[in-house]
């Protein structure tokens, strides 16, 4: 793959992941509640789903989601529902303030909730997998940077690794930024405000996902 082609792809992906989407928002939500380090598993779940979506797109199912209104809607609304349930649960959960007694200035980590890493991985994975535009995106984007006269697999690997690295990096950048806000939030409202903010972020992610429409080039197709 020519360097100029790879660079164009990398710049395009950089601009895309720079804009917060559902996966970035759930990473921010997890960082607020559990801290930045555990959120590494959220980002890992996200990119794992992305890698599967790349494979799905590579074998042609991206075209199905890009042209089938029913398939696109089913995947999208499952993702929206999952985000809403998590967001509402966070909003209405009872505070664990009685477990948070240490001064935040001396022990800020004490304000983070304990969580199993598998749970974070699972939620990061499901949110990313519930974004139908991702498969359609990979199916539409990759062919524009692939040389059909050259070996396909090495090119897809280069593009896939580039996307995963940039996506993972920006999920964690946003998550660490959110984690730095945690002490300020706790000082002004206790753990309740953290739960409310993280819940609101997840609901915002659901709203963002619900606004995703089918690609314009195939929106008129119905199956």
Protein backbone atom coordinates (compact mmCIF):
# COMPACT_ATOMS: atom_id res chain seq x y z
CA UNK A 1 0.00 0.00 0.00
CA UNK A 2 1.45 3.40 -0.98
CA UNK A 3 2.26 5.67 1.95
CA UNK A 4 0.13 8.46 0.49
CA UNK A 5 -2.92 6.18 0.46
CA UNK A 6 -2.37 5.10 4.05
CA UNK A 7 -1.84 8.69 5.16
CA UNK A 8 -5.11 9.80 3.54
CA UNK A 9 -6.93 6.98 5.30
CA UNK A 10 -5.29 7.81 8.65
CA UNK A 11 -6.23 11.49 8.38
CA UNK A 12 -9.83 10.60 7.53
CA UNK A 13 -10.12 8.19 10.46
CA UNK A 14 -8.47 10.73 12.77
CA UNK A 15 -11.14 13.29 11.89
CA UNK A 16 -13.90 10.72 12.39
CA UNK A 17 -12.77 9.46 15.80
CA UNK A 18 -12.03 13.01 16.96
CA UNK A 19 -15.79 13.58 17.07
CA UNK A 20 -17.28 11.84 20.15
CA UNK A 21 -19.61 8.98 19.30
CA UNK A 22 -21.43 6.36 21.39
CA UNK A 23 -18.24 4.42 22.19
CA UNK A 24 -16.40 7.54 23.33
CA UNK A 25 -19.35 8.56 25.48
CA UNK A 26 -19.60 5.20 27.24
CA UNK A 27 -15.84 5.37 27.84
CA UNK A 28 -16.32 8.77 29.49
CA UNK A 29 -19.20 7.42 31.55
CA UNK A 30 -17.14 4.47 32.79
CA UNK A 31 -14.17 6.70 33.57
CA UNK A 32 -16.38 8.93 35.71
CA UNK A 33 -17.70 6.00 37.73
CA UNK A 34 -14.76 3.59 37.79
CA UNK A 35 -11.64 5.60 36.91
CA UNK A 36 -9.51 5.83 33.78
CA UNK A 37 -7.47 2.63 34.22
CA UNK A 38 -10.42 0.18 34.32
CA UNK A 39 -11.81 1.96 31.25
CA UNK A 40 -8.98 0.39 29.28
CA UNK A 41 -11.26 -2.66 29.16
CA UNK A 42 -14.14 -0.57 27.82
CA UNK A 43 -11.94 0.65 24.99
CA UNK A 44 -10.72 -2.91 24.39
CA UNK A 45 -14.32 -4.10 24.08
CA UNK A 46 -14.98 -1.27 21.63
CA UNK A 47 -12.09 -2.09 19.32
CA UNK A 48 -12.83 -5.83 19.54
CA UNK A 49 -16.31 -5.15 18.19
CA UNK A 50 -14.78 -2.92 15.54
CA UNK A 51 -12.45 -5.69 14.41
CA UNK A 52 -15.37 -8.10 14.09
CA UNK A 53 -17.29 -5.45 12.15
CA UNK A 54 -14.34 -5.09 9.80
CA UNK A 55 -14.37 -8.81 9.11
CA UNK A 56 -18.15 -8.75 8.60
CA UNK A 57 -17.78 -5.84 6.20
CA UNK A 58 -14.99 -7.64 4.38
CA UNK A 59 -17.18 -10.66 3.65
CA UNK A 60 -19.96 -8.53 2.27
CA UNK A 61 -22.48 -8.14 5.09
CA UNK A 62 -21.72 -4.44 5.17
CA UNK A 63 -23.64 -4.18 1.93
CA UNK A 64 -26.66 -5.78 3.63
CA UNK A 65 -26.79 -3.18 6.40
CA UNK A 66 -26.10 -0.44 3.89
CA UNK A 67 -29.08 -1.44 1.74
CA UNK A 68 -31.55 -3.15 4.09
CA UNK A 69 -33.62 -0.72 6.14
CA UNK A 70 -34.87 -3.56 8.36
CA UNK A 71 -31.44 -4.97 9.21
CA UNK A 72 -30.06 -1.49 9.81
CA UNK A 73 -32.96 -0.54 12.08
CA UNK A 74 -32.82 -3.75 14.14
CA UNK A 75 -29.13 -3.37 14.95
CA UNK A 76 -29.46 0.36 15.60
CA UNK A 77 -32.43 0.17 17.98
CA UNK A 78 -30.93 -2.73 19.92
CA UNK A 79 -27.91 -0.51 20.53
CA UNK A 80 -30.10 2.45 21.49
CA UNK A 81 -32.07 0.32 23.93
CA UNK A 82 -28.93 -1.03 25.56
CA UNK A 83 -27.54 2.47 26.09
CA UNK A 84 -30.83 3.74 27.49
CA UNK A 85 -31.09 0.91 30.01
CA UNK A 86 -27.55 1.57 31.24
CA UNK A 87 -28.16 5.32 31.37
CA UNK A 88 -31.43 5.09 33.27
CA UNK A 89 -29.93 2.54 35.66
CA UNK A 90 -27.11 4.96 36.44
CA UNK A 91 -29.52 7.86 36.91
CA UNK A 92 -31.75 6.06 39.39
CA UNK A 93 -29.20 3.93 41.23
CA UNK A 94 -28.82 4.49 44.96
CA UNK A 95 -25.77 6.37 46.13
CA UNK A 96 -22.90 4.48 47.74
CA UNK A 97 -21.81 7.60 49.58
CA UNK A 98 -21.52 5.70 52.85
CA UNK A 99 -18.60 3.79 51.33
CA UNK A 100 -16.84 6.97 50.33
CA UNK A 101 -15.34 8.48 53.45
CA UNK A 102 -11.81 9.43 52.51
CA UNK A 103 -10.81 12.95 51.57
CA UNK A 104 -10.68 13.18 47.78
CA UNK A 105 -7.52 15.21 47.94
CA UNK A 106 -5.63 12.40 49.64
CA UNK A 107 -7.37 9.41 48.12
CA UNK A 108 -9.23 10.28 44.91
CA UNK A 109 -9.27 6.63 43.81
CA UNK A 110 -11.42 5.80 46.83
CA UNK A 111 -14.33 7.54 45.20
CA UNK A 112 -14.39 5.21 42.24
CA UNK A 113 -16.77 2.29 42.34
CA UNK A 114 -15.39 -1.24 42.21
CA UNK A 115 -16.21 -3.04 38.98
CA UNK A 116 -15.36 -6.25 37.20
CA UNK A 117 -13.25 -5.72 34.11
CA UNK A 118 -15.37 -8.21 32.18
CA UNK A 119 -18.41 -6.00 32.71
CA UNK A 120 -16.63 -3.00 31.21
CA UNK A 121 -15.38 -5.05 28.27
CA UNK A 122 -18.87 -6.41 27.64
CA UNK A 123 -20.54 -3.00 27.73
CA UNK A 124 -17.90 -1.42 25.50
CA UNK A 125 -18.29 -4.30 23.07
CA UNK A 126 -22.09 -4.18 22.97
CA UNK A 127 -22.25 -0.42 22.45
CA UNK A 128 -19.82 -0.60 19.53
CA UNK A 129 -21.55 -3.67 18.11
CA UNK A 130 -24.90 -1.88 18.36
CA UNK A 131 -23.80 0.82 15.94
CA UNK A 132 -24.96 -0.40 12.51
CA UNK A 133 -23.25 2.47 10.75
CA UNK A 134 -19.89 0.99 11.70
CA UNK A 135 -20.29 -2.07 9.47
CA UNK A 136 -21.70 0.04 6.65
CA UNK A 137 -18.86 2.50 7.25
CA UNK A 138 -16.18 -0.15 7.02
CA UNK A 139 -17.84 -1.68 3.97
CA UNK A 140 -17.97 1.69 2.22
CA UNK A 141 -14.68 3.17 3.41
CA UNK A 142 -12.20 0.37 3.01
CA UNK A 143 -12.79 -0.27 -0.72
CA UNK A 144 -11.83 3.33 -1.48
CA UNK A 145 -8.33 2.71 -0.12
CA UNK A 146 -7.79 -0.83 -1.38
CA UNK A 147 -5.93 -1.63 -4.57
CA UNK A 148 -7.86 -4.50 -6.21
CA UNK A 149 -4.77 -5.53 -8.16
CA UNK A 150 -2.73 -6.13 -4.98
CA UNK A 151 -3.08 -8.69 -2.19
CA UNK A 152 -6.28 -7.91 -0.26
CA UNK A 153 -5.55 -9.28 3.24
CA UNK A 154 -2.37 -7.25 3.92
CA UNK A 155 -4.14 -4.07 2.88
CA UNK A 156 -7.13 -4.78 5.10
CA UNK A 157 -4.81 -5.53 8.01
CA UNK A 158 -3.01 -2.21 7.59
CA UNK A 159 -6.27 -0.28 7.40
CA UNK A 160 -7.82 -2.23 10.26
CA UNK A 161 -4.86 -1.77 12.61
CA UNK A 162 -4.74 1.94 11.80
CA UNK A 163 -8.41 2.37 12.64
CA UNK A 164 -8.19 0.34 15.85
CA UNK A 165 -5.16 2.22 17.16
CA UNK A 166 -6.70 5.64 16.51
CA UNK A 167 -10.10 4.63 17.86
CA UNK A 168 -8.66 3.09 21.04
CA UNK A 169 -6.44 6.11 21.59
CA UNK A 170 -9.24 8.63 21.38
CA UNK A 171 -11.64 6.62 23.54
CA UNK A 172 -8.97 6.65 26.25
CA UNK A 173 -8.11 10.34 25.76
CA UNK A 174 -11.73 11.29 26.33
CA UNK A 175 -12.04 8.82 29.20
CA UNK A 176 -8.98 10.19 31.00
CA UNK A 177 -10.30 13.69 30.50
CA UNK A 178 -13.58 12.67 32.14
CA UNK A 179 -11.74 10.97 35.01
CA UNK A 180 -9.90 14.20 35.77
CA UNK A 181 -13.27 15.91 36.24
CA UNK A 182 -14.27 13.32 38.86
CA UNK A 183 -12.75 15.07 41.92
CA UNK A 184 -14.42 18.35 40.99
CA UNK A 185 -17.79 16.64 40.63
CA UNK A 186 -17.50 14.75 43.91
CA UNK A 187 -16.51 17.88 45.83
CA UNK A 188 -19.62 19.65 44.57
CA UNK A 189 -22.22 16.93 44.68
CA UNK A 190 -20.92 13.66 46.06
CA UNK A 191 -21.21 10.34 44.30
CA UNK A 192 -24.81 11.02 43.29
CA UNK A 193 -23.76 13.70 40.83
CA UNK A 194 -21.24 11.32 39.27
CA UNK A 195 -23.96 8.71 38.71
CA UNK A 196 -26.26 11.35 37.23
CA UNK A 197 -23.60 12.70 34.90
CA UNK A 198 -22.55 9.25 33.72
CA UNK A 199 -26.21 8.31 33.20
CA UNK A 200 -26.83 11.51 31.25
CA UNK A 201 -23.78 10.78 29.08
CA UNK A 202 -25.11 7.31 28.24
CA UNK A 203 -28.54 8.69 27.39
CA UNK A 204 -26.84 11.27 25.17
CA UNK A 205 -25.00 8.40 23.48
CA UNK A 206 -28.33 6.64 22.90
CA UNK A 207 -29.76 9.81 21.39
CA UNK A 208 -26.72 10.15 19.15
CA UNK A 209 -27.03 6.58 17.97
CA UNK A 210 -30.76 6.99 17.32
CA UNK A 211 -30.03 9.84 14.90
CA UNK A 212 -27.86 7.67 12.68
CA UNK A 213 -29.54 7.11 9.34
CA UNK A 214 -28.87 4.73 6.51
CA UNK A 215 -26.26 5.86 3.99
CA UNK A 216 -27.87 8.35 1.59
CA UNK A 217 -26.74 6.42 -1.43
CA UNK A 218 -28.94 3.47 -0.44
CA UNK A 219 -31.59 5.01 1.79
CA UNK A 220 -34.21 4.47 -0.86
CA UNK A 221 -33.70 0.72 -0.90
CA UNK A 222 -36.11 -1.31 1.25
CA UNK A 223 -36.10 -5.04 2.07
